[in-house]
Amino acid sequence: MNNERIIASCGLDCSTCDARIATLTNDDALRLQTAESWKIIHSIPGITYDMINCTGCREEGPKIGYCQLCDIRNCAISKNFLTCGECDELISCTIVKKVHSIVPEALENLKV
């Protein structure tokens, strides 16, 4: 795998996401580990290892259910933006604010 960053609409770096890594490497052990940790970290009690199948927010291929339905991603797509970094409302946006309050690096990724 290369070290190229893949920035999601919200600013998260998909290239470091365990779900994406597990998908690209077809690593079922990592899928299981990711599902178990996400049950707790992201409060998704019903997630199972076979749901861990995602190539990244802006990449072709499968998306994990909530990534496919993500309000942030869908807003950027509706405005023909690659990321929220192209939007004049980035700093005041209530849709993406929650992600940036939890992962401040995501906001910094959009400022590049």
PDB file of N, CA and C in Angstrom:
ATOM      1  N   MET A   1       0.850  -1.178   0.000  1.00  0.00           N
ATOM      2  CA  MET A   1       0.000   0.000   0.000  1.00  0.00           C
ATOM      3  C   MET A   1       0.891   1.235   0.000  1.00  0.00           C
ATOM      4  N   ASN A   2       0.468   2.258  -0.715  1.00  0.00           N
ATOM      5  CA  ASN A   2       1.281   3.462  -0.758  1.00  0.00           C
ATOM      6  C   ASN A   2       0.889   4.399   0.382  1.00  0.00           C
ATOM      7  N   ASN A   3       1.633   5.463   0.538  1.00  0.00           N
ATOM      8  CA  ASN A   3       1.406   6.409   1.631  1.00  0.00           C
ATOM      9  C   ASN A   3       0.595   7.612   1.199  1.00  0.00           C
ATOM     10  N   GLU A   4      -0.066   7.541   0.052  1.00  0.00           N
ATOM     11  CA  GLU A   4      -0.851   8.659  -0.445  1.00  0.00           C
ATOM     12  C   GLU A   4      -2.075   8.868   0.440  1.00  0.00           C
ATOM     13  N   ARG A   5      -2.267  10.099   0.862  1.00  0.00           N
ATOM     14  CA  ARG A   5      -3.431  10.432   1.679  1.00  0.00           C
ATOM     15  C   ARG A   5      -4.663  10.516   0.784  1.00  0.00           C
ATOM     16  N   ILE A   6      -5.777  10.054   1.307  1.00  0.00           N
ATOM     17  CA  ILE A   6      -7.051  10.110   0.604  1.00  0.00           C
ATOM     18  C   ILE A   6      -8.022  10.814   1.541  1.00  0.00           C
ATOM     19  N   ILE A   7      -8.250  12.087   1.288  1.00  0.00           N
ATOM     20  CA  ILE A   7      -9.047  12.906   2.192  1.00  0.00           C
ATOM     21  C   ILE A   7     -10.528  12.799   1.831  1.00  0.00           C
ATOM     22  N   ALA A   8     -11.316  12.419   2.828  1.00  0.00           N
ATOM     23  CA  ALA A   8     -12.763  12.304   2.671  1.00  0.00           C
ATOM     24  C   ALA A   8     -13.388  13.689   2.590  1.00  0.00           C
ATOM     25  N   SER A   9     -14.651  13.736   2.244  1.00  0.00           N
ATOM     26  CA  SER A   9     -15.372  15.007   2.158  1.00  0.00           C
ATOM     27  C   SER A   9     -15.233  15.812   3.443  1.00  0.00           C
ATOM     28  N   CYS A  10     -15.293  15.144   4.586  1.00  0.00           N
ATOM     29  CA  CYS A  10     -15.246  15.814   5.894  1.00  0.00           C
ATOM     30  C   CYS A  10     -13.839  16.171   6.333  1.00  0.00           C
ATOM     31  N   GLY A  11     -12.842  15.576   5.694  1.00  0.00           N
ATOM     32  CA  GLY A  11     -11.460  15.841   6.063  1.00  0.00           C
ATOM     33  C   GLY A  11     -10.760  14.661   6.711  1.00  0.00           C
ATOM     34  N   LEU A  12     -11.499  13.611   7.067  1.00  0.00           N
ATOM     35  CA  LEU A  12     -10.839  12.420   7.600  1.00  0.00           C
ATOM     36  C   LEU A  12      -9.949  11.826   6.522  1.00  0.00           C
ATOM     37  N   ASP A  13      -8.886  11.169   6.937  1.00  0.00           N
ATOM     38  CA  ASP A  13      -7.955  10.566   5.990  1.00  0.00           C
ATOM     39  C   ASP A  13      -8.326   9.102   5.800  1.00  0.00           C
ATOM     40  N   CYS A  14      -9.005   8.792   4.697  1.00  0.00           N
ATOM     41  CA  CYS A  14      -9.452   7.418   4.415  1.00  0.00           C
ATOM     42  C   CYS A  14      -8.276   6.455   4.279  1.00  0.00           C
ATOM     43  N   SER A  15      -7.110   6.955   3.892  1.00  0.00           N
ATOM     44  CA  SER A  15      -5.976   6.060   3.683  1.00  0.00           C
ATOM     45  C   SER A  15      -5.513   5.418   4.990  1.00  0.00           C
ATOM     46  N   THR A  16      -5.890   5.991   6.135  1.00  0.00           N
ATOM     47  CA  THR A  16      -5.504   5.424   7.431  1.00  0.00           C
ATOM     48  C   THR A  16      -6.646   4.655   8.090  1.00  0.00           C
ATOM     49  N   CYS A  17      -7.781   4.565   7.415  1.00  0.00           N
ATOM     50  CA  CYS A  17      -8.964   3.911   7.975  1.00  0.00           C
ATOM     51  C   CYS A  17      -8.817   2.390   7.910  1.00  0.00           C
ATOM     52  N   ASP A  18      -9.015   1.740   9.049  1.00  0.00           N
ATOM     53  CA  ASP A  18      -8.891   0.285   9.097  1.00  0.00           C
ATOM     54  C   ASP A  18      -9.895  -0.421   8.188  1.00  0.00           C
ATOM     55  N   ALA A  19     -11.079   0.153   8.021  1.00  0.00           N
ATOM     56  CA  ALA A  19     -12.072  -0.466   7.130  1.00  0.00           C
ATOM     57  C   ALA A  19     -11.563  -0.472   5.697  1.00  0.00           C
ATOM     58  N   ARG A  20     -10.988   0.622   5.263  1.00  0.00           N
ATOM     59  CA  ARG A  20     -10.453   0.699   3.893  1.00  0.00           C
ATOM     60  C   ARG A  20      -9.272  -0.241   3.731  1.00  0.00           C
ATOM     61  N   ILE A  21      -8.382  -0.241   4.713  1.00  0.00           N
ATOM     62  CA  ILE A  21      -7.208  -1.120   4.651  1.00  0.00           C
ATOM     63  C   ILE A  21      -7.637  -2.581   4.600  1.00  0.00           C
ATOM     64  N   ALA A  22      -8.604  -2.957   5.442  1.00  0.00           N
ATOM     65  CA  ALA A  22      -9.101  -4.339   5.453  1.00  0.00           C
ATOM     66  C   ALA A  22      -9.730  -4.708   4.117  1.00  0.00           C
ATOM     67  N   THR A  23     -10.439  -3.774   3.515  1.00  0.00           N
ATOM     68  CA  THR A  23     -11.073  -4.025   2.226  1.00  0.00           C
ATOM     69  C   THR A  23     -10.027  -4.238   1.136  1.00  0.00           C
ATOM     70  N   LEU A  24      -9.068  -3.333   1.059  1.00  0.00           N
ATOM     71  CA  LEU A  24      -8.064  -3.410  -0.003  1.00  0.00           C
ATOM     72  C   LEU A  24      -7.142  -4.619   0.131  1.00  0.00           C
ATOM     73  N   THR A  25      -6.904  -5.048   1.379  1.00  0.00           N
ATOM     74  CA  THR A  25      -6.008  -6.184   1.606  1.00  0.00           C
ATOM     75  C   THR A  25      -6.774  -7.487   1.826  1.00  0.00           C
ATOM     76  N   ASN A  26      -8.109  -7.398   1.782  1.00  0.00           N
ATOM     77  CA  ASN A  26      -8.983  -8.547   2.026  1.00  0.00           C
ATOM     78  C   ASN A  26      -8.596  -9.259   3.322  1.00  0.00           C
ATOM     79  N   ASP A  27      -8.453  -8.471   4.392  1.00  0.00           N
ATOM     80  CA  ASP A  27      -7.987  -8.952   5.688  1.00  0.00           C
ATOM     81  C   ASP A  27      -9.178  -9.137   6.627  1.00  0.00           C
ATOM     82  N   ASP A  28      -9.674 -10.372   6.721  1.00  0.00           N
ATOM     83  CA  ASP A  28     -10.832 -10.638   7.570  1.00  0.00           C
ATOM     84  C   ASP A  28     -10.542 -10.439   9.053  1.00  0.00           C
ATOM     85  N   ALA A  29      -9.314 -10.696   9.479  1.00  0.00           N
ATOM     86  CA  ALA A  29      -8.960 -10.473  10.881  1.00  0.00           C
ATOM     87  C   ALA A  29      -9.059  -8.979  11.219  1.00  0.00           C
ATOM     88  N   LEU A  30      -8.600  -8.124  10.314  1.00  0.00           N
ATOM     89  CA  LEU A  30      -8.707  -6.680  10.536  1.00  0.00           C
ATOM     90  C   LEU A  30     -10.158  -6.231  10.457  1.00  0.00           C
ATOM     91  N   ARG A  31     -10.939  -6.842   9.574  1.00  0.00           N
ATOM     92  CA  ARG A  31     -12.376  -6.537   9.513  1.00  0.00           C
ATOM     93  C   ARG A  31     -13.033  -6.833  10.853  1.00  0.00           C
ATOM     94  N   LEU A  32     -12.727  -7.994  11.420  1.00  0.00           N
ATOM     95  CA  LEU A  32     -13.304  -8.391  12.707  1.00  0.00           C
ATOM     96  C   LEU A  32     -12.868  -7.437  13.814  1.00  0.00           C
ATOM     97  N   GLN A  33     -11.589  -7.125  13.854  1.00  0.00           N
ATOM     98  CA  GLN A  33     -11.049  -6.205  14.856  1.00  0.00           C
ATOM     99  C   GLN A  33     -11.704  -4.826  14.717  1.00  0.00           C
ATOM    100  N   THR A  34     -11.869  -4.349  13.501  1.00  0.00           N
ATOM    101  CA  THR A  34     -12.472  -3.047  13.243  1.00  0.00           C
ATOM    102  C   THR A  34     -13.929  -3.031  13.683  1.00  0.00           C
ATOM    103  N   ALA A  35     -14.667  -4.059  13.333  1.00  0.00           N
ATOM    104  CA  ALA A  35     -16.078  -4.135  13.727  1.00  0.00           C
ATOM    105  C   ALA A  35     -16.203  -4.127  15.242  1.00  0.00           C
ATOM    106  N   GLU A  36     -15.379  -4.900  15.917  1.00  0.00           N
ATOM    107  CA  GLU A  36     -15.449  -4.962  17.379  1.00  0.00           C
ATOM    108  C   GLU A  36     -15.124  -3.615  18.012  1.00  0.00           C
ATOM    109  N   SER A  37     -14.116  -2.931  17.505  1.00  0.00           N
ATOM    110  CA  SER A  37     -13.764  -1.637  18.080  1.00  0.00           C
ATOM    111  C   SER A  37     -14.801  -0.566  17.747  1.00  0.00           C
ATOM    112  N   TRP A  38     -15.369  -0.604  16.544  1.00  0.00           N
ATOM    113  CA  TRP A  38     -16.366   0.392  16.147  1.00  0.00           C
ATOM    114  C   TRP A  38     -17.671   0.224  16.909  1.00  0.00           C
ATOM    115  N   LYS A  39     -17.955  -0.993  17.361  1.00  0.00           N
ATOM    116  CA  LYS A  39     -19.149  -1.208  18.195  1.00  0.00           C
ATOM    117  C   LYS A  39     -19.098  -0.282  19.401  1.00  0.00           C
ATOM    118  N   ILE A  40     -17.916  -0.123  19.940  1.00  0.00           N
ATOM    119  CA  ILE A  40     -17.723   0.694  21.134  1.00  0.00           C
ATOM    120  C   ILE A  40     -17.437   2.150  20.776  1.00  0.00           C
ATOM    121  N   ILE A  41     -16.426   2.371  19.961  1.00  0.00           N
ATOM    122  CA  ILE A  41     -15.972   3.723  19.630  1.00  0.00           C
ATOM    123  C   ILE A  41     -17.061   4.563  18.973  1.00  0.00           C
ATOM    124  N   HIS A  42     -17.779   3.968  18.019  1.00  0.00           N
ATOM    125  CA  HIS A  42     -18.778   4.707  17.248  1.00  0.00           C
ATOM    126  C   HIS A  42     -20.212   4.364  17.645  1.00  0.00           C
ATOM    127  N   SER A  43     -20.361   3.596  18.722  1.00  0.00           N
ATOM    128  CA  SER A  43     -21.689   3.198  19.220  1.00  0.00           C
ATOM    129  C   SER A  43     -22.537   2.559  18.118  1.00  0.00           C
ATOM    130  N   ILE A  44     -21.963   1.540  17.470  1.00  0.00           N
ATOM    131  CA  ILE A  44     -22.663   0.805  16.416  1.00  0.00           C
ATOM    132  C   ILE A  44     -22.743  -0.666  16.860  1.00  0.00           C
ATOM    133  N   PRO A  45     -23.639  -0.981  17.789  1.00  0.00           N
ATOM    134  CA  PRO A  45     -23.667  -2.342  18.334  1.00  0.00           C
ATOM    135  C   PRO A  45     -23.963  -3.426  17.314  1.00  0.00           C
ATOM    136  N   GLY A  46     -24.651  -3.105  16.230  1.00  0.00           N
ATOM    137  CA  GLY A  46     -25.034  -4.111  15.250  1.00  0.00           C
ATOM    138  C   GLY A  46     -24.035  -4.346  14.133  1.00  0.00           C
ATOM    139  N   ILE A  47     -22.896  -3.670  14.159  1.00  0.00           N
ATOM    140  CA  ILE A  47     -21.937  -3.818  13.061  1.00  0.00           C
ATOM    141  C   ILE A  47     -21.234  -5.178  13.165  1.00  0.00           C
ATOM    142  N   THR A  48     -21.069  -5.813  12.025  1.00  0.00           N
ATOM    143  CA  THR A  48     -20.391  -7.105  11.967  1.00  0.00           C
ATOM    144  C   THR A  48     -19.214  -7.018  11.001  1.00  0.00           C
ATOM    145  N   TYR A  49     -18.314  -7.985  11.103  1.00  0.00           N
ATOM    146  CA  TYR A  49     -17.101  -7.927  10.280  1.00  0.00           C
ATOM    147  C   TYR A  49     -17.414  -7.903   8.787  1.00  0.00           C
ATOM    148  N   ASP A  50     -18.491  -8.570   8.372  1.00  0.00           N
ATOM    149  CA  ASP A  50     -18.789  -8.606   6.943  1.00  0.00           C
ATOM    150  C   ASP A  50     -19.340  -7.280   6.422  1.00  0.00           C
ATOM    151  N   MET A  51     -19.660  -6.359   7.322  1.00  0.00           N
ATOM    152  CA  MET A  51     -20.085  -5.014   6.920  1.00  0.00           C
ATOM    153  C   MET A  51     -18.882  -4.107   6.667  1.00  0.00           C
ATOM    154  N   ILE A  52     -17.717  -4.529   7.104  1.00  0.00           N
ATOM    155  CA  ILE A  52     -16.491  -3.736   6.947  1.00  0.00           C
ATOM    156  C   ILE A  52     -15.985  -3.953   5.522  1.00  0.00           C
ATOM    157  N   ASN A  53     -16.472  -3.112   4.631  1.00  0.00           N
ATOM    158  CA  ASN A  53     -16.132  -3.213   3.219  1.00  0.00           C
ATOM    159  C   ASN A  53     -16.278  -1.823   2.609  1.00  0.00           C
ATOM    160  N   CYS A  54     -15.179  -1.097   2.516  1.00  0.00           N
ATOM    161  CA  CYS A  54     -15.223   0.295   2.062  1.00  0.00           C
ATOM    162  C   CYS A  54     -13.911   0.655   1.379  1.00  0.00           C
ATOM    163  N   THR A  55     -13.998   1.341   0.271  1.00  0.00           N
ATOM    164  CA  THR A  55     -12.795   1.767  -0.447  1.00  0.00           C
ATOM    165  C   THR A  55     -12.443   3.231  -0.179  1.00  0.00           C
ATOM    166  N   GLY A  56     -13.299   3.916   0.565  1.00  0.00           N
ATOM    167  CA  GLY A  56     -13.051   5.322   0.883  1.00  0.00           C
ATOM    168  C   GLY A  56     -14.186   6.199   0.395  1.00  0.00           C
ATOM    169  N   CYS A  57     -14.386   7.280   1.072  1.00  0.00           N
ATOM    170  CA  CYS A  57     -15.502   8.197   0.831  1.00  0.00           C
ATOM    171  C   CYS A  57     -15.613   8.645  -0.621  1.00  0.00           C
ATOM    172  N   ARG A  58     -14.492   9.051  -1.188  1.00  0.00           N
ATOM    173  CA  ARG A  58     -14.525   9.621  -2.537  1.00  0.00           C
ATOM    174  C   ARG A  58     -13.978   8.674  -3.593  1.00  0.00           C
ATOM    175  N   GLU A  59     -13.674   7.449  -3.216  1.00  0.00           N
ATOM    176  CA  GLU A  59     -13.113   6.479  -4.140  1.00  0.00           C
ATOM    177  C   GLU A  59     -14.226   5.624  -4.741  1.00  0.00           C
ATOM    178  N   GLU A  60     -13.988   5.094  -5.924  1.00  0.00           N
ATOM    179  CA  GLU A  60     -14.925   4.149  -6.535  1.00  0.00           C
ATOM    180  C   GLU A  60     -14.951   2.891  -5.687  1.00  0.00           C
ATOM    181  N   GLY A  61     -16.088   2.237  -5.642  1.00  0.00           N
ATOM    182  CA  GLY A  61     -16.181   0.968  -4.934  1.00  0.00           C
ATOM    183  C   GLY A  61     -17.131   1.035  -3.761  1.00  0.00           C
ATOM    184  N   PRO A  62     -17.166  -0.026  -2.985  1.00  0.00           N
ATOM    185  CA  PRO A  62     -18.139  -0.120  -1.895  1.00  0.00           C
ATOM    186  C   PRO A  62     -17.887   0.894  -0.782  1.00  0.00           C
ATOM    187  N   LYS A  63     -18.963   1.217  -0.094  1.00  0.00           N
ATOM    188  CA  LYS A  63     -18.926   2.109   1.066  1.00  0.00           C
ATOM    189  C   LYS A  63     -19.622   1.402   2.219  1.00  0.00           C
ATOM    190  N   ILE A  64     -19.133   1.612   3.410  1.00  0.00           N
ATOM    191  CA  ILE A  64     -19.851   1.136   4.596  1.00  0.00           C
ATOM    192  C   ILE A  64     -21.160   1.908   4.633  1.00  0.00           C
ATOM    193  N   GLY A  65     -22.217   1.272   5.086  1.00  0.00           N
ATOM    194  CA  GLY A  65     -23.554   1.864   5.063  1.00  0.00           C
ATOM    195  C   GLY A  65     -23.628   3.320   5.438  1.00  0.00           C
ATOM    196  N   TYR A  66     -23.078   3.695   6.594  1.00  0.00           N
ATOM    197  CA  TYR A  66     -23.210   5.083   7.008  1.00  0.00           C
ATOM    198  C   TYR A  66     -22.348   6.018   6.174  1.00  0.00           C
ATOM    199  N   CYS A  67     -21.297   5.522   5.553  1.00  0.00           N
ATOM    200  CA  CYS A  67     -20.507   6.371   4.648  1.00  0.00           C
ATOM    201  C   CYS A  67     -21.297   6.669   3.376  1.00  0.00           C
ATOM    202  N   GLN A  68     -22.023   5.682   2.897  1.00  0.00           N
ATOM    203  CA  GLN A  68     -22.856   5.866   1.704  1.00  0.00           C
ATOM    204  C   GLN A  68     -23.958   6.890   1.971  1.00  0.00           C
ATOM    205  N   LEU A  69     -24.480   6.908   3.201  1.00  0.00           N
ATOM    206  CA  LEU A  69     -25.596   7.776   3.561  1.00  0.00           C
ATOM    207  C   LEU A  69     -25.159   9.068   4.253  1.00  0.00           C
ATOM    208  N   CYS A  70     -23.870   9.267   4.413  1.00  0.00           N
ATOM    209  CA  CYS A  70     -23.319  10.385   5.181  1.00  0.00           C
ATOM    210  C   CYS A  70     -23.823  11.738   4.674  1.00  0.00           C
ATOM    211  N   ASP A  71     -24.408  12.525   5.583  1.00  0.00           N
ATOM    212  CA  ASP A  71     -24.903  13.859   5.237  1.00  0.00           C
ATOM    213  C   ASP A  71     -23.784  14.773   4.738  1.00  0.00           C
ATOM    214  N   ILE A  72     -22.608  14.628   5.320  1.00  0.00           N
ATOM    215  CA  ILE A  72     -21.469  15.465   4.925  1.00  0.00           C
ATOM    216  C   ILE A  72     -21.071  15.140   3.485  1.00  0.00           C
ATOM    217  N   ARG A  73     -20.891  13.863   3.218  1.00  0.00           N
ATOM    218  CA  ARG A  73     -20.514  13.412   1.871  1.00  0.00           C
ATOM    219  C   ARG A  73     -21.570  13.823   0.856  1.00  0.00           C
ATOM    220  N   ASN A  74     -22.828  13.598   1.185  1.00  0.00           N
ATOM    221  CA  ASN A  74     -23.911  13.913   0.254  1.00  0.00           C
ATOM    222  C   ASN A  74     -24.046  15.416   0.020  1.00  0.00           C
ATOM    223  N   CYS A  75     -23.778  16.224   1.039  1.00  0.00           N
ATOM    224  CA  CYS A  75     -23.805  17.681   0.870  1.00  0.00           C
ATOM    225  C   CYS A  75     -22.707  18.112  -0.104  1.00  0.00           C
ATOM    226  N   ALA A  76     -21.486  17.604   0.110  1.00  0.00           N
ATOM    227  CA  ALA A  76     -20.371  17.957  -0.778  1.00  0.00           C
ATOM    228  C   ALA A  76     -20.678  17.535  -2.216  1.00  0.00           C
ATOM    229  N   ILE A  77     -21.207  16.343  -2.387  1.00  0.00           N
ATOM    230  CA  ILE A  77     -21.557  15.862  -3.728  1.00  0.00           C
ATOM    231  C   ILE A  77     -22.612  16.769  -4.356  1.00  0.00           C
ATOM    232  N   SER A  78     -23.616  17.174  -3.572  1.00  0.00           N
ATOM    233  CA  SER A  78     -24.693  18.016  -4.117  1.00  0.00           C
ATOM    234  C   SER A  78     -24.183  19.382  -4.573  1.00  0.00           C
ATOM    235  N   LYS A  79     -23.073  19.828  -3.984  1.00  0.00           N
ATOM    236  CA  LYS A  79     -22.489  21.123  -4.350  1.00  0.00           C
ATOM    237  C   LYS A  79     -21.351  20.968  -5.354  1.00  0.00           C
ATOM    238  N   ASN A  80     -21.140  19.737  -5.833  1.00  0.00           N
ATOM    239  CA  ASN A  80     -20.048  19.422  -6.758  1.00  0.00           C
ATOM    240  C   ASN A  80     -18.676  19.742  -6.178  1.00  0.00           C
ATOM    241  N   PHE A  81     -18.519  19.543  -4.875  1.00  0.00           N
ATOM    242  CA  PHE A  81     -17.238  19.728  -4.198  1.00  0.00           C
ATOM    243  C   PHE A  81     -16.594  18.366  -3.983  1.00  0.00           C
ATOM    244  N   LEU A  82     -15.274  18.315  -4.067  1.00  0.00           N
ATOM    245  CA  LEU A  82     -14.568  17.102  -3.675  1.00  0.00           C
ATOM    246  C   LEU A  82     -14.581  16.959  -2.159  1.00  0.00           C
ATOM    247  N   THR A  83     -14.339  18.067  -1.462  1.00  0.00           N
ATOM    248  CA  THR A  83     -14.347  18.065  -0.002  1.00  0.00           C
ATOM    249  C   THR A  83     -15.025  19.328   0.508  1.00  0.00           C
ATOM    250  N   CYS A  84     -15.301  19.332   1.791  1.00  0.00           N
ATOM    251  CA  CYS A  84     -15.892  20.507   2.434  1.00  0.00           C
ATOM    252  C   CYS A  84     -14.928  21.689   2.438  1.00  0.00           C
ATOM    253  N   GLY A  85     -13.660  21.431   2.169  1.00  0.00           N
ATOM    254  CA  GLY A  85     -12.669  22.494   2.105  1.00  0.00           C
ATOM    255  C   GLY A  85     -12.957  23.501   1.003  1.00  0.00           C
ATOM    256  N   GLU A  86     -13.771  23.133   0.037  1.00  0.00           N
ATOM    257  CA  GLU A  86     -14.136  24.034  -1.058  1.00  0.00           C
ATOM    258  C   GLU A  86     -15.318  24.931  -0.705  1.00  0.00           C
ATOM    259  N   CYS A  87     -15.944  24.681   0.425  1.00  0.00           N
ATOM    260  CA  CYS A  87     -17.169  25.391   0.792  1.00  0.00           C
ATOM    261  C   CYS A  87     -16.878  26.624   1.646  1.00  0.00           C
ATOM    262  N   ASP A  88     -17.519  27.724   1.315  1.00  0.00           N
ATOM    263  CA  ASP A  88     -17.359  28.965   2.080  1.00  0.00           C
ATOM    264  C   ASP A  88     -17.921  28.849   3.498  1.00  0.00           C
ATOM    265  N   GLU A  89     -18.772  27.864   3.729  1.00  0.00           N
ATOM    266  CA  GLU A  89     -19.405  27.686   5.035  1.00  0.00           C
ATOM    267  C   GLU A  89     -18.673  26.676   5.924  1.00  0.00           C
ATOM    268  N   LEU A  90     -17.480  26.257   5.541  1.00  0.00           N
ATOM    269  CA  LEU A  90     -16.751  25.214   6.258  1.00  0.00           C
ATOM    270  C   LEU A  90     -16.693  25.459   7.762  1.00  0.00           C
ATOM    271  N   ILE A  91     -16.266  26.622   8.171  1.00  0.00           N
ATOM    272  CA  ILE A  91     -16.058  26.890   9.599  1.00  0.00           C
ATOM    273  C   ILE A  91     -17.373  26.989  10.361  1.00  0.00           C
ATOM    274  N   SER A  92     -18.419  27.484   9.747  1.00  0.00           N
ATOM    275  CA  SER A  92     -19.699  27.641  10.442  1.00  0.00           C
ATOM    276  C   SER A  92     -20.658  26.471  10.230  1.00  0.00           C
ATOM    277  N   CYS A  93     -20.292  25.513   9.420  1.00  0.00           N
ATOM    278  CA  CYS A  93     -21.189  24.410   9.059  1.00  0.00           C
ATOM    279  C   CYS A  93     -21.494  23.508  10.260  1.00  0.00           C
ATOM    280  N   THR A  94     -22.774  23.333  10.518  1.00  0.00           N
ATOM    281  CA  THR A  94     -23.185  22.467  11.622  1.00  0.00           C
ATOM    282  C   THR A  94     -23.151  20.989  11.227  1.00  0.00           C
ATOM    283  N   ILE A  95     -23.154  20.697   9.939  1.00  0.00           N
ATOM    284  CA  ILE A  95     -23.144  19.304   9.486  1.00  0.00           C
ATOM    285  C   ILE A  95     -21.782  18.660   9.761  1.00  0.00           C
ATOM    286  N   VAL A  96     -20.711  19.343   9.442  1.00  0.00           N
ATOM    287  CA  VAL A  96     -19.370  18.771   9.573  1.00  0.00           C
ATOM    288  C   VAL A  96     -18.730  19.104  10.936  1.00  0.00           C
ATOM    289  N   LYS A  97     -19.322  19.990  11.674  1.00  0.00           N
ATOM    290  CA  LYS A  97     -18.750  20.452  12.947  1.00  0.00           C
ATOM    291  C   LYS A  97     -18.498  19.310  13.932  1.00  0.00           C
ATOM    292  N   LYS A  98     -19.411  18.344  14.001  1.00  0.00           N
ATOM    293  CA  LYS A  98     -19.256  17.241  14.955  1.00  0.00           C
ATOM    294  C   LYS A  98     -17.980  16.445  14.672  1.00  0.00           C
ATOM    295  N   VAL A  99     -17.720  16.154  13.408  1.00  0.00           N
ATOM    296  CA  VAL A  99     -16.502  15.425  13.052  1.00  0.00           C
ATOM    297  C   VAL A  99     -15.276  16.219  13.474  1.00  0.00           C
ATOM    298  N   HIS A 100     -15.273  17.502  13.191  1.00  0.00           N
ATOM    299  CA  HIS A 100     -14.110  18.334  13.497  1.00  0.00           C
ATOM    300  C   HIS A 100     -13.920  18.533  14.992  1.00  0.00           C
ATOM    301  N   SER A 101     -14.998  18.469  15.771  1.00  0.00           N
ATOM    302  CA  SER A 101     -14.847  18.591  17.222  1.00  0.00           C
ATOM    303  C   SER A 101     -14.238  17.323  17.819  1.00  0.00           C
ATOM    304  N   ILE A 102     -14.466  16.182  17.162  1.00  0.00           N
ATOM    305  CA  ILE A 102     -13.912  14.912  17.636  1.00  0.00           C
ATOM    306  C   ILE A 102     -12.520  14.654  17.062  1.00  0.00           C
ATOM    307  N   VAL A 103     -12.336  15.025  15.788  1.00  0.00           N
ATOM    308  CA  VAL A 103     -11.060  14.801  15.094  1.00  0.00           C
ATOM    309  C   VAL A 103     -10.606  16.121  14.473  1.00  0.00           C
ATOM    310  N   PRO A 104      -9.947  16.984  15.264  1.00  0.00           N
ATOM    311  CA  PRO A 104      -9.527  18.301  14.752  1.00  0.00           C
ATOM    312  C   PRO A 104      -8.609  18.229  13.534  1.00  0.00           C
ATOM    313  N   GLU A 105      -7.870  17.131  13.397  1.00  0.00           N
ATOM    314  CA  GLU A 105      -6.984  16.986  12.237  1.00  0.00           C
ATOM    315  C   GLU A 105      -7.774  16.977  10.938  1.00  0.00           C
ATOM    316  N   ALA A 106      -9.029  16.543  10.999  1.00  0.00           N
ATOM    317  CA  ALA A 106      -9.866  16.500   9.800  1.00  0.00           C
ATOM    318  C   ALA A 106     -10.063  17.906   9.245  1.00  0.00           C
ATOM    319  N   LEU A 107     -10.275  18.871  10.120  1.00  0.00           N
ATOM    320  CA  LEU A 107     -10.404  20.260   9.677  1.00  0.00           C
ATOM    321  C   LEU A 107      -9.093  20.749   9.079  1.00  0.00           C
ATOM    322  N   GLU A 108      -7.992  20.411   9.700  1.00  0.00           N
ATOM    323  CA  GLU A 108      -6.687  20.820   9.175  1.00  0.00           C
ATOM    324  C   GLU A 108      -6.423  20.204   7.801  1.00  0.00           C
ATOM    325  N   ASN A 109      -6.875  18.974   7.585  1.00  0.00           N
ATOM    326  CA  ASN A 109      -6.702  18.324   6.279  1.00  0.00           C
ATOM    327  C   ASN A 109      -7.437  19.070   5.176  1.00  0.00           C
ATOM    328  N   LEU A 110      -8.520  19.747   5.529  1.00  0.00           N
ATOM    329  CA  LEU A 110      -9.303  20.493   4.537  1.00  0.00           C
ATOM    330  C   LEU A 110      -8.705  21.855   4.212  1.00  0.00           C
ATOM    331  N   LYS A 111      -7.809  22.323   5.045  1.00  0.00           N
ATOM    332  CA  LYS A 111      -7.201  23.643   4.851  1.00  0.00           C
ATOM    333  C   LYS A 111      -5.959  23.581   3.963  1.00  0.00           C
ATOM    334  N   VAL A 112      -5.555  22.387   3.596  1.00  0.00           N
ATOM    335  CA  VAL A 112      -4.333  22.207   2.787  1.00  0.00           C
ATOM    336  C   VAL A 112      -4.570  22.621   1.358  1.00  0.00           C
TER     337      VAL A 112
END
